[in-house]
N, C-alpha and C. Protein backbone atom coordinates (compact mmCIF):
# COMPACT_ATOMS: atom_id res chain seq x y z
N UNK A 1 0.84 -1.18 0.00
CA UNK A 1 0.00 0.00 0.00
C UNK A 1 0.89 1.24 0.00
N UNK A 2 0.53 2.21 -0.77
CA UNK A 2 1.36 3.41 -0.86
C UNK A 2 1.10 4.33 0.32
N UNK A 3 2.05 5.25 0.53
CA UNK A 3 1.94 6.21 1.63
C UNK A 3 0.69 7.06 1.51
N UNK A 4 0.34 7.44 0.30
CA UNK A 4 -0.83 8.29 0.11
C UNK A 4 -2.12 7.57 0.53
N UNK A 5 -2.18 6.26 0.27
CA UNK A 5 -3.36 5.49 0.71
C UNK A 5 -3.44 5.43 2.23
N UNK A 6 -2.30 5.23 2.88
CA UNK A 6 -2.27 5.16 4.34
C UNK A 6 -2.68 6.50 4.94
N UNK A 7 -2.14 7.57 4.37
CA UNK A 7 -2.49 8.91 4.86
C UNK A 7 -3.98 9.18 4.67
N UNK A 8 -4.52 8.77 3.54
CA UNK A 8 -5.95 8.96 3.26
C UNK A 8 -6.80 8.18 4.27
N UNK A 9 -6.39 6.95 4.56
CA UNK A 9 -7.12 6.15 5.55
C UNK A 9 -7.09 6.81 6.93
N UNK A 10 -5.93 7.34 7.30
CA UNK A 10 -5.81 8.00 8.60
C UNK A 10 -6.69 9.25 8.65
N UNK A 11 -6.75 9.99 7.55
CA UNK A 11 -7.61 11.17 7.50
C UNK A 11 -9.08 10.78 7.68
N UNK A 12 -9.47 9.66 7.07
CA UNK A 12 -10.85 9.19 7.20
C UNK A 12 -11.17 8.82 8.65
N UNK A 13 -10.22 8.16 9.33
CA UNK A 13 -10.42 7.79 10.74
C UNK A 13 -10.55 9.04 11.60
N UNK A 14 -9.68 10.03 11.37
CA UNK A 14 -9.74 11.29 12.12
C UNK A 14 -11.09 11.96 11.89
N UNK A 15 -11.55 11.96 10.64
CA UNK A 15 -12.84 12.56 10.31
C UNK A 15 -13.99 11.82 11.01
N UNK A 16 -13.90 10.48 11.04
CA UNK A 16 -14.91 9.65 11.72
C UNK A 16 -14.99 10.00 13.21
N UNK A 17 -13.82 10.12 13.85
CA UNK A 17 -13.78 10.46 15.27
C UNK A 17 -14.34 11.86 15.50
N UNK A 18 -13.94 12.81 14.66
CA UNK A 18 -14.44 14.19 14.79
C UNK A 18 -15.96 14.23 14.65
N UNK A 19 -16.50 13.49 13.69
CA UNK A 19 -17.95 13.43 13.51
C UNK A 19 -18.64 12.86 14.75
N UNK A 20 -18.03 11.83 15.33
CA UNK A 20 -18.61 11.23 16.54
C UNK A 20 -18.58 12.21 17.70
N UNK A 21 -17.49 12.98 17.82
CA UNK A 21 -17.45 14.01 18.86
C UNK A 21 -18.59 15.01 18.66
N UNK A 22 -18.81 15.43 17.42
CA UNK A 22 -19.85 16.42 17.12
C UNK A 22 -21.25 15.87 17.37
N UNK A 23 -21.48 14.61 17.01
CA UNK A 23 -22.82 14.02 17.06
C UNK A 23 -23.20 13.47 18.44
N UNK A 24 -22.24 13.32 19.32
CA UNK A 24 -22.50 12.68 20.61
C UNK A 24 -22.99 13.68 21.65
N UNK A 25 -23.96 13.23 22.45
CA UNK A 25 -24.40 14.02 23.59
C UNK A 25 -23.39 13.89 24.72
N UNK A 26 -22.81 12.70 24.84
CA UNK A 26 -21.72 12.53 25.82
C UNK A 26 -20.67 11.58 25.26
N UNK A 27 -19.43 11.88 25.59
CA UNK A 27 -18.28 11.10 25.15
C UNK A 27 -17.38 10.93 26.36
N UNK A 28 -17.05 9.68 26.69
CA UNK A 28 -16.20 9.43 27.85
C UNK A 28 -14.95 8.66 27.42
N UNK A 29 -13.82 9.03 28.01
CA UNK A 29 -12.55 8.38 27.75
C UNK A 29 -12.16 7.57 28.97
N UNK A 30 -11.77 6.32 28.75
CA UNK A 30 -11.39 5.45 29.86
C UNK A 30 -10.07 4.75 29.58
N UNK A 31 -9.37 4.44 30.66
CA UNK A 31 -8.17 3.62 30.59
C UNK A 31 -8.61 2.21 30.93
N UNK A 32 -8.44 1.31 29.99
CA UNK A 32 -8.91 -0.07 30.18
C UNK A 32 -7.77 -1.02 30.51
N UNK A 33 -6.57 -0.48 30.75
CA UNK A 33 -5.39 -1.29 31.05
C UNK A 33 -5.68 -2.17 32.27
N UNK A 34 -5.43 -3.45 32.15
CA UNK A 34 -5.67 -4.35 33.26
C UNK A 34 -6.94 -5.16 33.14
N UNK A 35 -7.83 -4.79 32.21
CA UNK A 35 -9.03 -5.61 31.98
C UNK A 35 -8.66 -6.78 31.08
N UNK A 36 -9.18 -7.95 31.39
CA UNK A 36 -8.91 -9.09 30.52
C UNK A 36 -9.94 -9.12 29.38
N UNK A 37 -9.78 -10.05 28.47
CA UNK A 37 -10.63 -10.11 27.28
C UNK A 37 -12.10 -10.32 27.66
N UNK A 38 -12.35 -11.19 28.64
CA UNK A 38 -13.74 -11.46 29.05
C UNK A 38 -14.38 -10.20 29.62
N UNK A 39 -13.64 -9.45 30.43
CA UNK A 39 -14.19 -8.23 31.02
C UNK A 39 -14.44 -7.17 29.95
N UNK A 40 -13.51 -7.05 29.02
CA UNK A 40 -13.67 -6.09 27.92
C UNK A 40 -14.89 -6.46 27.07
N UNK A 41 -15.08 -7.75 26.83
CA UNK A 41 -16.23 -8.22 26.05
C UNK A 41 -17.52 -7.91 26.78
N UNK A 42 -17.53 -8.12 28.10
CA UNK A 42 -18.72 -7.82 28.91
C UNK A 42 -19.05 -6.32 28.84
N UNK A 43 -18.01 -5.48 28.94
CA UNK A 43 -18.21 -4.03 28.88
C UNK A 43 -18.74 -3.62 27.51
N UNK A 44 -18.15 -4.16 26.45
CA UNK A 44 -18.61 -3.84 25.09
C UNK A 44 -20.08 -4.24 24.90
N UNK A 45 -20.47 -5.38 25.47
CA UNK A 45 -21.85 -5.85 25.35
C UNK A 45 -22.81 -4.90 26.08
N UNK A 46 -22.44 -4.47 27.27
CA UNK A 46 -23.29 -3.52 28.01
C UNK A 46 -23.43 -2.22 27.23
N UNK A 47 -22.34 -1.78 26.62
CA UNK A 47 -22.37 -0.55 25.83
C UNK A 47 -23.28 -0.71 24.60
N UNK A 48 -23.14 -1.83 23.92
CA UNK A 48 -23.95 -2.09 22.73
C UNK A 48 -25.43 -2.11 23.08
N UNK A 49 -25.79 -2.75 24.21
CA UNK A 49 -27.19 -2.82 24.63
C UNK A 49 -27.76 -1.43 24.92
N UNK A 50 -26.91 -0.50 25.34
CA UNK A 50 -27.35 0.86 25.65
C UNK A 50 -27.21 1.78 24.43
N UNK A 51 -26.87 1.21 23.28
CA UNK A 51 -26.69 1.98 22.03
C UNK A 51 -25.56 3.01 22.17
N UNK A 52 -24.47 2.58 22.82
CA UNK A 52 -23.29 3.42 22.99
C UNK A 52 -22.18 2.82 22.14
N UNK A 53 -21.55 3.67 21.33
CA UNK A 53 -20.44 3.24 20.47
C UNK A 53 -19.16 3.25 21.32
N UNK A 54 -18.53 2.10 21.49
CA UNK A 54 -17.36 1.97 22.36
C UNK A 54 -16.20 1.44 21.53
N UNK A 55 -15.16 2.26 21.34
CA UNK A 55 -14.05 1.87 20.47
C UNK A 55 -12.72 2.31 21.04
N UNK A 56 -11.69 1.65 20.53
CA UNK A 56 -10.32 2.03 20.85
C UNK A 56 -9.71 2.60 19.58
N UNK A 57 -9.18 3.81 19.68
CA UNK A 57 -8.50 4.47 18.56
C UNK A 57 -7.08 4.81 19.01
N UNK A 58 -6.22 5.07 18.04
CA UNK A 58 -4.88 5.56 18.38
C UNK A 58 -5.01 6.96 18.96
N UNK A 59 -4.28 7.23 20.03
CA UNK A 59 -4.35 8.53 20.69
C UNK A 59 -4.01 9.68 19.73
N UNK A 60 -3.06 9.45 18.84
CA UNK A 60 -2.68 10.52 17.90
C UNK A 60 -3.85 10.90 17.00
N UNK A 61 -4.64 9.92 16.60
CA UNK A 61 -5.82 10.19 15.75
C UNK A 61 -6.87 10.96 16.55
N UNK A 62 -7.08 10.55 17.80
CA UNK A 62 -8.07 11.21 18.65
C UNK A 62 -7.65 12.66 18.92
N UNK A 63 -6.35 12.87 19.14
CA UNK A 63 -5.85 14.24 19.36
C UNK A 63 -6.18 15.12 18.17
N UNK A 64 -5.91 14.62 16.97
CA UNK A 64 -6.20 15.41 15.76
C UNK A 64 -7.68 15.71 15.64
N UNK A 65 -8.52 14.71 15.93
CA UNK A 65 -9.97 14.92 15.85
C UNK A 65 -10.42 15.91 16.92
N UNK A 66 -9.87 15.80 18.13
CA UNK A 66 -10.22 16.72 19.22
C UNK A 66 -9.84 18.15 18.84
N UNK A 67 -8.67 18.31 18.23
CA UNK A 67 -8.25 19.65 17.78
C UNK A 67 -9.22 20.19 16.73
N UNK A 68 -9.66 19.30 15.84
CA UNK A 68 -10.57 19.71 14.77
C UNK A 68 -11.91 20.21 15.29
N UNK A 69 -12.39 19.62 16.38
CA UNK A 69 -13.69 20.03 16.94
C UNK A 69 -13.52 20.93 18.16
N UNK A 70 -12.33 21.51 18.30
CA UNK A 70 -12.03 22.48 19.36
C UNK A 70 -12.20 21.90 20.77
N UNK A 71 -11.72 20.67 20.95
CA UNK A 71 -11.71 20.03 22.27
C UNK A 71 -10.28 19.66 22.64
N UNK A 72 -9.35 20.55 22.34
CA UNK A 72 -7.92 20.29 22.55
C UNK A 72 -7.58 20.01 24.01
N UNK A 73 -8.40 20.47 24.95
CA UNK A 73 -8.14 20.22 26.37
C UNK A 73 -8.18 18.73 26.71
N UNK A 74 -8.79 17.92 25.84
CA UNK A 74 -8.82 16.47 26.05
C UNK A 74 -7.46 15.83 25.84
N UNK A 75 -6.58 16.52 25.13
CA UNK A 75 -5.30 15.91 24.75
C UNK A 75 -4.48 15.46 25.95
N UNK A 76 -4.63 16.12 27.10
CA UNK A 76 -3.89 15.72 28.30
C UNK A 76 -4.31 14.33 28.77
N UNK A 77 -5.55 13.94 28.52
CA UNK A 77 -6.04 12.63 28.97
C UNK A 77 -5.70 11.52 27.98
N UNK A 78 -5.23 11.88 26.81
CA UNK A 78 -4.94 10.89 25.77
C UNK A 78 -3.53 10.35 25.91
N UNK A 79 -3.30 9.65 27.03
CA UNK A 79 -2.02 9.03 27.31
C UNK A 79 -2.31 7.59 27.71
N UNK A 80 -1.56 6.67 27.16
CA UNK A 80 -1.78 5.26 27.48
C UNK A 80 -3.00 4.71 26.75
N UNK A 81 -3.34 3.46 27.05
CA UNK A 81 -4.48 2.84 26.36
C UNK A 81 -5.77 3.59 26.68
N UNK A 82 -6.46 4.03 25.64
CA UNK A 82 -7.68 4.80 25.83
C UNK A 82 -8.79 4.23 24.96
N UNK A 83 -9.92 3.95 25.60
CA UNK A 83 -11.13 3.55 24.87
C UNK A 83 -12.11 4.71 25.01
N UNK A 84 -12.93 4.89 23.98
CA UNK A 84 -13.86 6.01 23.98
C UNK A 84 -15.28 5.49 23.82
N UNK A 85 -16.18 6.03 24.66
CA UNK A 85 -17.61 5.70 24.58
C UNK A 85 -18.34 6.92 24.04
N UNK A 86 -18.96 6.78 22.87
CA UNK A 86 -19.73 7.86 22.25
C UNK A 86 -21.21 7.52 22.36
N UNK A 87 -22.02 8.45 22.87
CA UNK A 87 -23.46 8.23 22.94
C UNK A 87 -24.19 9.39 22.28
N UNK A 88 -24.86 9.10 21.18
CA UNK A 88 -25.58 10.14 20.45
C UNK A 88 -26.98 10.36 21.03
N UNK A 89 -27.53 9.36 21.72
CA UNK A 89 -28.93 9.43 22.15
C UNK A 89 -29.14 9.68 23.64
N UNK A 90 -28.23 9.20 24.47
CA UNK A 90 -28.44 9.23 25.92
C UNK A 90 -27.21 9.84 26.59
N UNK A 91 -27.39 10.95 27.28
CA UNK A 91 -26.28 11.62 27.95
C UNK A 91 -25.77 10.78 29.12
N UNK A 92 -26.68 10.11 29.81
CA UNK A 92 -26.36 9.45 31.07
C UNK A 92 -25.79 8.04 30.89
N UNK A 93 -26.24 7.31 29.89
CA UNK A 93 -25.91 5.89 29.75
C UNK A 93 -24.41 5.57 29.84
N UNK A 94 -23.55 6.22 29.07
CA UNK A 94 -22.13 5.84 29.15
C UNK A 94 -21.54 6.07 30.55
N UNK A 95 -21.90 7.18 31.17
CA UNK A 95 -21.37 7.48 32.51
C UNK A 95 -21.84 6.43 33.51
N UNK A 96 -23.12 6.08 33.44
CA UNK A 96 -23.69 5.11 34.37
C UNK A 96 -23.03 3.73 34.19
N UNK A 97 -22.93 3.28 32.94
CA UNK A 97 -22.35 1.96 32.66
C UNK A 97 -20.88 1.92 33.09
N UNK A 98 -20.11 2.92 32.68
CA UNK A 98 -18.68 2.92 32.99
C UNK A 98 -18.43 3.07 34.49
N UNK A 99 -19.20 3.91 35.16
CA UNK A 99 -19.03 4.10 36.60
C UNK A 99 -19.34 2.80 37.35
N UNK A 100 -20.45 2.15 37.00
CA UNK A 100 -20.80 0.89 37.65
C UNK A 100 -19.78 -0.20 37.36
N UNK A 101 -19.30 -0.24 36.11
CA UNK A 101 -18.30 -1.25 35.73
C UNK A 101 -17.00 -1.01 36.48
N UNK A 102 -16.62 0.26 36.65
CA UNK A 102 -15.38 0.60 37.35
C UNK A 102 -15.45 0.22 38.84
N UNK A 103 -16.67 0.24 39.41
CA UNK A 103 -16.83 -0.16 40.81
C UNK A 103 -16.51 -1.65 40.98
N UNK A 104 -16.91 -2.45 39.99
CA UNK A 104 -16.69 -3.90 40.05
C UNK A 104 -15.30 -4.30 39.54
N UNK A 105 -14.77 -3.52 38.60
CA UNK A 105 -13.47 -3.83 37.97
C UNK A 105 -12.56 -2.62 38.17
N UNK A 106 -11.75 -2.67 39.20
CA UNK A 106 -10.94 -1.51 39.58
C UNK A 106 -9.90 -1.14 38.52
N UNK A 107 -9.64 -2.03 37.57
CA UNK A 107 -8.67 -1.73 36.52
C UNK A 107 -9.19 -0.64 35.56
N UNK A 108 -10.52 -0.52 35.45
CA UNK A 108 -11.10 0.48 34.55
C UNK A 108 -11.08 1.85 35.23
N UNK A 109 -10.55 2.83 34.53
CA UNK A 109 -10.46 4.18 35.10
C UNK A 109 -11.03 5.19 34.12
N UNK A 110 -12.00 5.97 34.58
CA UNK A 110 -12.55 7.04 33.75
C UNK A 110 -11.55 8.19 33.76
N UNK A 111 -11.12 8.61 32.56
CA UNK A 111 -10.07 9.62 32.45
C UNK A 111 -10.64 11.02 32.23
N UNK A 112 -11.77 11.10 31.54
CA UNK A 112 -12.34 12.40 31.24
C UNK A 112 -13.46 12.23 30.24
N UNK A 113 -13.99 13.37 29.77
CA UNK A 113 -15.06 13.27 28.80
C UNK A 113 -15.60 14.61 28.36
N UNK A 114 -16.59 14.51 27.49
CA UNK A 114 -17.27 15.68 26.94
C UNK A 114 -18.77 15.45 27.12
N UNK A 115 -19.45 16.42 27.73
CA UNK A 115 -20.90 16.32 27.90
C UNK A 115 -21.53 17.48 27.18
N UNK A 116 -22.34 17.16 26.20
CA UNK A 116 -23.04 18.15 25.37
C UNK A 116 -22.09 19.24 24.87
N UNK A 117 -20.94 18.80 24.35
CA UNK A 117 -20.00 19.72 23.71
C UNK A 117 -19.03 20.41 24.64
N UNK A 118 -19.17 20.23 25.95
CA UNK A 118 -18.29 20.87 26.92
C UNK A 118 -17.45 19.81 27.63
N UNK A 119 -16.17 20.12 27.83
CA UNK A 119 -15.32 19.17 28.54
C UNK A 119 -15.79 19.08 29.99
N UNK A 120 -15.91 17.85 30.47
CA UNK A 120 -16.46 17.59 31.80
C UNK A 120 -15.34 17.16 32.76
N UNK A 121 -15.51 17.54 34.02
CA UNK A 121 -14.60 17.08 35.06
C UNK A 121 -15.01 15.68 35.49
N UNK A 122 -14.12 14.99 36.20
CA UNK A 122 -14.46 13.66 36.70
C UNK A 122 -15.63 13.74 37.68
N UNK A 123 -15.70 14.82 38.47
CA UNK A 123 -16.82 14.99 39.41
C UNK A 123 -18.15 15.12 38.66
N UNK A 124 -18.14 15.89 37.56
CA UNK A 124 -19.37 16.04 36.77
C UNK A 124 -19.79 14.70 36.17
N UNK A 125 -18.83 13.92 35.73
CA UNK A 125 -19.14 12.61 35.14
C UNK A 125 -19.73 11.69 36.21
N UNK A 126 -19.16 11.73 37.43
CA UNK A 126 -19.70 10.90 38.52
C UNK A 126 -21.11 11.33 38.90
N UNK A 127 -21.36 12.66 38.93
CA UNK A 127 -22.71 13.16 39.22
C UNK A 127 -23.69 12.68 38.16
N UNK A 128 -23.26 12.73 36.91
CA UNK A 128 -24.10 12.28 35.81
C UNK A 128 -24.42 10.79 35.96
N UNK A 129 -23.43 10.02 36.38
CA UNK A 129 -23.63 8.57 36.55
C UNK A 129 -24.64 8.27 37.65
N UNK A 130 -24.74 9.16 38.63
CA UNK A 130 -25.66 8.93 39.75
C UNK A 130 -27.10 9.32 39.43
N UNK A 131 -27.31 10.04 38.33
CA UNK A 131 -28.67 10.41 37.94
C UNK A 131 -29.44 9.19 37.46
N UNK A 132 -30.76 9.18 37.65
CA UNK A 132 -31.55 8.07 37.09
C UNK A 132 -31.58 8.20 35.57
N UNK A 133 -31.81 7.08 34.90
CA UNK A 133 -31.90 7.12 33.44
C UNK A 133 -33.21 7.79 33.01
N UNK A 134 -33.44 7.88 31.72
CA UNK A 134 -34.60 8.58 31.17
C UNK A 134 -35.91 8.04 31.77
N UNK A 135 -36.06 6.71 31.78
CA UNK A 135 -37.30 6.12 32.30
C UNK A 135 -37.49 6.45 33.78
N UNK A 136 -36.38 6.44 34.54
CA UNK A 136 -36.45 6.79 35.96
C UNK A 136 -36.87 8.24 36.16
N UNK A 137 -36.35 9.12 35.31
CA UNK A 137 -36.71 10.54 35.42
C UNK A 137 -38.18 10.77 35.07
N UNK A 138 -38.67 10.07 34.05
CA UNK A 138 -40.09 10.19 33.67
C UNK A 138 -40.97 9.70 34.82
N UNK A 139 -40.59 8.59 35.45
CA UNK A 139 -41.37 8.05 36.58
C UNK A 139 -41.39 9.06 37.74
N UNK A 140 -40.23 9.68 38.00
CA UNK A 140 -40.18 10.68 39.08
C UNK A 140 -41.07 11.87 38.74
N UNK A 141 -41.03 12.33 37.50
CA UNK A 141 -41.85 13.46 37.08
C UNK A 141 -43.33 13.12 37.22
N UNK A 142 -43.72 11.93 36.77
CA UNK A 142 -45.13 11.54 36.87
C UNK A 142 -45.59 11.48 38.32
N UNK A 143 -44.74 10.97 39.21
CA UNK A 143 -45.16 10.90 40.61
C UNK A 143 -45.33 12.30 41.20
N UNK A 144 -44.47 13.24 40.79
CA UNK A 144 -44.59 14.62 41.26
C UNK A 144 -45.89 15.25 40.73
N UNK A 145 -46.21 14.96 39.46
CA UNK A 145 -47.42 15.52 38.86
C UNK A 145 -48.68 14.89 39.44
N UNK A 146 -48.61 13.62 39.83
CA UNK A 146 -49.78 12.93 40.36
C UNK A 146 -50.06 13.29 41.82
N UNK A 147 -49.05 13.73 42.55
CA UNK A 147 -49.20 13.98 43.98
C UNK A 147 -50.33 14.97 44.30
N UNK A 148 -50.43 16.13 43.64
CA UNK A 148 -51.53 17.05 43.98
C UNK A 148 -52.91 16.44 43.71
N UNK A 149 -53.03 15.71 42.62
CA UNK A 149 -54.31 15.08 42.29
C UNK A 149 -54.66 14.03 43.34
N UNK A 150 -53.68 13.24 43.73
CA UNK A 150 -53.88 12.20 44.74
C UNK A 150 -54.29 12.85 46.07
N UNK A 151 -53.58 13.92 46.46
CA UNK A 151 -53.91 14.61 47.72
C UNK A 151 -55.31 15.19 47.68
N UNK A 152 -55.70 15.76 46.54
CA UNK A 152 -57.04 16.31 46.39
C UNK A 152 -58.09 15.20 46.52
N UNK A 153 -57.81 14.06 45.93
CA UNK A 153 -58.74 12.93 46.00
C UNK A 153 -58.90 12.47 47.45
N UNK A 154 -57.79 12.38 48.20
CA UNK A 154 -57.86 11.99 49.61
C UNK A 154 -58.68 13.00 50.41
N UNK A 155 -58.45 14.29 50.16
CA UNK A 155 -59.18 15.33 50.88
C UNK A 155 -60.67 15.27 50.56
N UNK A 156 -61.01 15.08 49.28
CA UNK A 156 -62.41 15.01 48.87
C UNK A 156 -63.08 13.79 49.52
N UNK A 157 -62.38 12.68 49.57
CA UNK A 157 -62.93 11.47 50.19
C UNK A 157 -63.13 11.69 51.69
N UNK A 158 -62.18 12.36 52.34
CA UNK A 158 -62.30 12.63 53.78
C UNK A 158 -63.50 13.52 54.06
N UNK A 159 -63.71 14.54 53.23
CA UNK A 159 -64.87 15.43 53.39
C UNK A 159 -66.16 14.65 53.17
N UNK A 160 -66.17 13.80 52.13
CA UNK A 160 -67.36 12.99 51.84
C UNK A 160 -67.65 12.05 53.01
N UNK A 161 -66.62 11.43 53.57
CA UNK A 161 -66.81 10.53 54.71
C UNK A 161 -67.33 11.30 55.93
N UNK A 162 -66.79 12.50 56.12
CA UNK A 162 -67.21 13.33 57.25
C UNK A 162 -68.68 13.73 57.10
N UNK A 163 -69.10 14.13 55.90
CA UNK A 163 -70.50 14.53 55.64
C UNK A 163 -71.43 13.33 55.85
N UNK A 164 -70.93 12.16 55.41
CA UNK A 164 -71.73 10.95 55.54
C UNK A 164 -71.97 10.63 57.02
N UNK A 165 -70.92 10.79 57.84
CA UNK A 165 -71.04 10.53 59.28
C UNK A 165 -72.00 11.52 59.94
N UNK A 166 -71.92 12.81 59.51
CA UNK A 166 -72.80 13.83 60.07
C UNK A 166 -74.25 13.56 59.67
N UNK A 167 -74.43 13.09 58.45
CA UNK A 167 -75.79 12.82 57.95
C UNK A 167 -76.41 11.61 58.61
N UNK A 168 -75.58 10.68 59.09
CA UNK A 168 -76.08 9.45 59.68
C UNK A 168 -76.50 9.61 61.08
């Protein structure tokens, strides 16, 4: 293969990574050094089930893509083996999966990330991981919305019971 073909392939990979940075609601970088093949396979499966793209790229390619999308501050975290989780649909899923996996497998270390286009601190990523997922948030919202109606129903029933006792 000629040098020009190799350079063209590398440019395509950099472009692919840059597009993923742009299209993702959240992107997390992790050090997976120390995970065995079975653990890595388990992590990839959890990511796939949550519709999260989880890949390992060369750090030099990721640096170029980060520079292209004005996320150069990520370059400090691009040292050693780095896997990247891109999520276009769910901001919380990658943080939740990786945080829970890291609790069980101490070899996995969250290095940094981008949340909705802004570079996130490790504390912000941990806070995000502690939030309930979309379905959990909808359930919480519904219970908050139902509470006044439920309380009104209890009050109306209490008044009706009281009137019934007075009438009897």
